[in-house]
Amino acid sequence: ETDTDASTDDATDAPKKMRKKKKAEAPSEAAPVEPESKAKVEEGGKKSPMEEKYAEIVDYNEEEDTEPGPDPNFYYNLEQMYARALTTQGDASTPSNFLTLFHSFGYECLKRCNLHVLDEFNVLFSAGNYIQILNLETKKLTYLPTVGGKGIGSIAVHPSRKFFAVGEQGYEPDILVFEYPSLKLYRICRKGTETAYAFLSFSPDGNRLASMGSSPDYMLTIWDWKREKIILRSKAHGQ
């Protein structure tokens, strides 16, 4: 009877012993998690293709930067560059200049800083793919097309009122800098963000231009805009 009772007790205690054994082994089973998490951290330290393309630039020495920019008298030919309507190809296709803009009734009032004073009589704003200049005295509207054709994210006016910048939307949008009042396309700043510019601002002396990219990179960039050159760039972590 004693042997039988003992074997019965052992059988009854077996699940408890197994449970205790599993609890005791739990830390050893969880131990491999540490290198796995470490691997994730190491993977997280690698830069994504987007971060490689828009790498941060945090060290700039103006004295060592002797790279010349475009000729001060150089202008782009906007007539050859601006976005046109897509048309079908072939003999029966519609010419891209078949339709022309007659009038724009739009004003994007929900866009931040979308109204700027150019001089005593003219104000500047964006609507759709066009920059519009309204003469408050004659009520005449002047339209400037953009290059990308995907919309406008932000505009800014130079402190001298002799230039204004237009940050486009779309894949790898450009910043177009126009001369005023000639309205010639003076400079194009490229590869500052991936999808759109959320905000632009000139420095008080007008020599630098700051741009803020929107999702997904939220890249804050400082430009030497006359040379079309990025001099500083960093992620805007407080977006």
Protein backbone atom coordinates (compact mmCIF):
# COMPACT_ATOMS: atom_id res chain seq x y z
CA GLU A 1 0.00 0.00 0.00
CA THR A 2 2.83 2.38 0.78
CA ASP A 3 4.45 1.89 -2.65
CA THR A 4 1.10 2.30 -4.36
CA ASP A 5 0.29 5.45 -2.39
CA ALA A 6 3.71 6.84 -3.14
CA SER A 7 3.30 6.23 -6.87
CA THR A 8 -0.17 7.82 -6.72
CA ASP A 9 1.23 10.87 -4.95
CA ASP A 10 3.98 11.15 -7.52
CA ALA A 11 1.43 10.99 -10.32
CA THR A 12 -0.67 13.65 -8.61
CA ASP A 13 2.34 15.92 -8.07
CA ALA A 14 3.69 15.39 -11.58
CA PRO A 15 1.69 18.23 -13.21
CA LYS A 16 2.74 20.58 -10.42
CA LYS A 17 6.37 19.57 -10.87
CA MET A 18 6.05 20.09 -14.64
CA ARG A 19 4.51 23.52 -14.11
CA LYS A 20 7.34 24.42 -11.73
CA LYS A 21 9.85 23.12 -14.22
CA LYS A 22 8.31 25.23 -17.01
CA LYS A 23 8.40 28.32 -14.81
CA ALA A 24 12.02 27.63 -14.01
CA GLU A 25 12.82 27.21 -17.71
CA ALA A 26 10.95 30.37 -18.74
CA PRO A 27 13.93 32.69 -18.30
CA SER A 28 16.12 30.42 -20.43
CA GLU A 29 13.46 30.41 -23.17
CA ALA A 30 13.22 34.22 -23.01
CA ALA A 31 16.99 34.67 -23.08
CA PRO A 32 17.30 34.52 -26.91
CA VAL A 33 15.04 37.59 -27.09
CA GLU A 34 17.95 39.82 -26.05
CA PRO A 35 20.09 39.31 -29.17
CA GLU A 36 16.95 39.51 -31.32
CA SER A 37 16.04 42.89 -29.84
CA LYS A 38 19.66 43.95 -30.22
CA ALA A 39 19.47 42.97 -33.86
CA LYS A 40 16.38 45.10 -34.27
CA VAL A 41 18.21 48.05 -32.78
CA GLU A 42 21.09 47.47 -35.15
CA GLU A 43 18.67 47.24 -38.07
CA GLY A 44 17.01 50.41 -36.87
CA GLY A 45 20.36 52.14 -36.99
CA LYS A 46 20.64 51.53 -40.72
CA LYS A 47 19.48 54.38 -42.92
CA SER A 48 16.50 53.85 -45.18
CA PRO A 49 16.79 54.66 -48.91
CA MET A 50 14.94 57.91 -48.24
CA GLU A 51 17.38 58.89 -45.47
CA GLU A 52 20.29 58.06 -47.77
CA LYS A 53 18.81 60.31 -50.48
CA TYR A 54 18.00 63.15 -48.08
CA ALA A 55 20.96 62.79 -45.76
CA GLU A 56 21.38 65.28 -42.93
CA ILE A 57 24.03 67.98 -43.36
CA VAL A 58 25.00 69.44 -39.99
CA ASP A 59 28.52 70.74 -40.56
CA TYR A 60 28.99 73.66 -42.97
CA ASN A 61 32.05 75.84 -43.38
CA GLU A 62 31.35 78.88 -45.53
CA GLU A 63 35.04 79.67 -45.97
CA GLU A 64 35.74 76.25 -47.50
CA ASP A 65 32.72 76.37 -49.80
CA THR A 66 34.09 77.84 -53.02
CA GLU A 67 31.82 76.01 -55.48
CA PRO A 68 30.38 78.57 -57.95
CA GLY A 69 26.71 78.64 -58.76
CA PRO A 70 24.89 79.57 -61.96
CA ASP A 71 25.81 82.75 -63.76
CA PRO A 72 24.11 85.73 -62.04
CA ASN A 73 22.63 86.71 -65.41
CA PHE A 74 21.26 83.23 -66.19
CA TYR A 75 17.49 82.61 -66.42
CA TYR A 76 15.50 79.46 -67.16
CA ASN A 77 13.05 79.33 -70.06
CA LEU A 78 9.76 78.74 -68.27
CA GLU A 79 7.90 78.45 -71.58
CA GLN A 80 9.75 75.21 -72.31
CA MET A 81 9.50 73.78 -68.80
CA TYR A 82 6.04 74.40 -67.37
CA ALA A 83 3.61 71.50 -66.89
CA ARG A 84 1.20 70.88 -69.74
CA ALA A 85 -1.93 68.79 -70.08
CA LEU A 86 -1.40 65.13 -70.96
CA THR A 87 -2.74 64.23 -74.40
CA THR A 88 -2.99 61.05 -76.47
CA GLN A 89 -0.32 60.30 -79.04
CA GLY A 90 -0.88 59.88 -82.78
CA ASP A 91 -2.22 61.76 -85.75
CA ALA A 92 -5.63 62.29 -84.12
CA SER A 93 -4.25 63.55 -80.83
CA THR A 94 -5.24 66.88 -79.33
CA PRO A 95 -2.44 69.47 -79.18
CA SER A 96 -1.27 70.26 -75.65
CA ASN A 97 -1.97 73.97 -76.26
CA PHE A 98 -5.52 73.34 -77.50
CA LEU A 99 -6.95 74.71 -74.24
CA THR A 100 -5.68 77.87 -72.59
CA LEU A 101 -6.42 79.32 -69.16
CA PHE A 102 -9.04 82.04 -69.35
CA HIS A 103 -9.65 82.87 -65.70
CA SER A 104 -9.13 81.35 -62.26
CA PHE A 105 -11.78 81.86 -59.61
CA GLY A 106 -9.86 80.02 -56.92
CA TYR A 107 -8.05 81.11 -53.77
CA GLU A 108 -6.75 78.56 -51.27
CA CYS A 109 -7.74 80.32 -48.07
CA LEU A 110 -6.92 77.33 -45.85
CA LYS A 111 -3.27 77.29 -46.93
CA ARG A 112 -0.89 78.90 -44.44
CA CYS A 113 0.79 82.15 -45.56
CA ASN A 114 -0.83 82.08 -48.98
CA LEU A 115 -1.18 85.85 -49.43
CA HIS A 116 1.83 88.14 -49.82
CA VAL A 117 2.30 91.81 -50.70
CA LEU A 118 4.69 92.42 -53.59
CA ASP A 119 4.41 96.18 -53.84
CA GLU A 120 1.92 99.00 -53.39
CA PHE A 121 -0.54 97.61 -55.94
CA ASN A 122 0.14 93.87 -56.32
CA VAL A 123 -0.45 90.83 -54.11
CA LEU A 124 0.69 87.26 -54.66
CA PHE A 125 -1.11 83.99 -53.90
CA SER A 126 -1.43 80.43 -55.23
CA ALA A 127 -4.40 78.47 -56.52
CA GLY A 128 -4.10 74.97 -57.94
CA ASN A 129 -1.05 74.72 -60.21
CA TYR A 130 -0.78 78.46 -60.75
CA ILE A 131 0.83 81.40 -59.02
CA GLN A 132 -1.44 84.42 -59.32
CA ILE A 133 -0.58 88.10 -59.05
CA LEU A 134 -3.51 90.43 -58.54
CA ASN A 135 -3.29 94.12 -59.28
CA LEU A 136 -5.52 95.73 -56.67
CA GLU A 137 -5.97 98.88 -58.73
CA THR A 138 -6.85 97.41 -62.14
CA LYS A 139 -8.15 94.02 -60.82
CA LYS A 140 -6.01 92.30 -63.45
CA LEU A 141 -4.76 88.78 -62.71
CA THR A 142 -1.41 87.50 -63.98
CA TYR A 143 -0.89 83.72 -64.02
CA LEU A 144 2.39 81.85 -63.67
CA PRO A 145 2.40 78.06 -64.30
CA THR A 146 4.54 75.67 -62.28
CA VAL A 147 6.99 73.07 -63.55
CA GLY A 148 5.79 69.98 -61.68
CA GLY A 149 2.07 70.39 -62.28
CA LYS A 150 1.07 68.65 -59.02
CA GLY A 151 0.12 71.72 -56.99
CA ILE A 152 1.84 74.29 -54.79
CA GLY A 153 2.80 73.70 -51.18
CA SER A 154 4.10 77.09 -50.05
CA ILE A 155 5.26 80.50 -51.29
CA ALA A 156 7.57 83.14 -49.81
CA VAL A 157 8.65 86.64 -50.81
CA HIS A 158 12.23 87.91 -50.63
CA PRO A 159 12.80 90.82 -48.17
CA SER A 160 13.75 93.06 -51.11
CA ARG A 161 10.50 92.18 -52.91
CA LYS A 162 12.63 91.50 -56.00
CA PHE A 163 12.18 87.70 -55.83
CA PHE A 164 9.62 85.18 -54.63
CA ALA A 165 9.93 81.42 -54.08
CA VAL A 166 7.38 78.75 -54.91
CA GLY A 167 7.61 75.31 -53.26
CA GLU A 168 5.84 72.71 -55.39
CA GLN A 169 4.13 69.42 -54.59
CA GLY A 170 4.64 66.00 -56.20
CA TYR A 171 7.48 63.49 -56.38
CA GLU A 172 10.77 65.28 -55.58
CA PRO A 173 9.25 68.74 -56.04
CA ASP A 174 11.28 71.82 -56.89
CA ILE A 175 11.53 75.27 -55.35
CA LEU A 176 11.11 77.83 -58.13
CA VAL A 177 12.54 81.30 -57.51
CA PHE A 178 11.06 84.00 -59.76
CA GLU A 179 12.38 87.49 -60.32
CA TYR A 180 9.93 90.34 -59.79
CA PRO A 181 8.57 92.28 -61.63
CA SER A 182 10.03 90.57 -64.73
CA LEU A 183 8.49 87.21 -63.61
CA LYS A 184 11.46 85.33 -65.10
CA LEU A 185 12.38 81.97 -63.61
CA TYR A 186 15.70 82.77 -61.93
CA ARG A 187 16.65 79.69 -59.89
CA ILE A 188 15.47 76.11 -59.24
CA CYS A 189 16.37 74.40 -55.95
CA ARG A 190 16.11 70.62 -56.32
CA LYS A 191 15.91 67.53 -54.10
CA GLY A 192 14.99 69.17 -50.80
CA THR A 193 12.09 66.88 -49.89
CA GLU A 194 10.28 63.81 -51.19
CA THR A 195 6.64 64.79 -51.77
CA ALA A 196 5.83 68.45 -50.94
CA TYR A 197 7.03 71.65 -49.33
CA ALA A 198 4.98 72.70 -46.32
CA PHE A 199 6.65 76.07 -45.67
CA LEU A 200 9.26 78.44 -47.11
CA SER A 201 10.96 81.49 -45.59
CA PHE A 202 13.82 83.78 -46.61
CA SER A 203 16.39 84.94 -44.07
CA PRO A 204 16.20 88.63 -43.04
CA ASP A 205 19.16 89.50 -45.29
CA GLY A 206 17.70 87.43 -48.15
CA ASN A 207 20.84 85.34 -48.71
CA ARG A 208 19.39 82.08 -47.37
CA LEU A 209 16.13 80.24 -47.90
CA ALA A 210 14.66 77.78 -45.39
CA SER A 211 12.29 75.05 -46.54
CA MET A 212 10.22 72.58 -44.56
CA GLY A 213 9.27 69.29 -46.19
CA SER A 214 6.03 67.49 -45.44
CA SER A 215 5.41 63.77 -44.84
CA PRO A 216 7.19 61.39 -44.94
CA ASP A 217 10.62 63.02 -44.44
CA TYR A 218 9.82 66.34 -42.66
CA MET A 219 13.18 67.65 -43.80
CA LEU A 220 14.29 71.12 -42.72
CA THR A 221 16.70 72.52 -45.31
CA ILE A 222 18.76 75.71 -45.52
CA TRP A 223 19.61 76.80 -49.07
CA ASP A 224 22.11 79.13 -50.64
CA TRP A 225 19.36 79.66 -53.19
CA LYS A 226 21.34 81.85 -55.62
CA ARG A 227 23.75 78.92 -56.07
CA GLU A 228 20.91 76.34 -55.92
CA LYS A 229 22.91 74.63 -53.17
CA ILE A 230 21.92 72.92 -49.91
CA ILE A 231 24.20 74.02 -47.07
CA LEU A 232 22.43 72.55 -44.01
CA ARG A 233 19.73 69.94 -43.60
CA SER A 234 18.21 68.06 -40.67
CA LYS A 235 15.12 66.10 -39.73
CA ALA A 236 12.48 68.29 -38.07
CA HIS A 237 11.84 65.98 -35.12
CA GLY A 238 9.23 68.28 -33.59
CA GLN A 239 6.79 67.96 -36.49
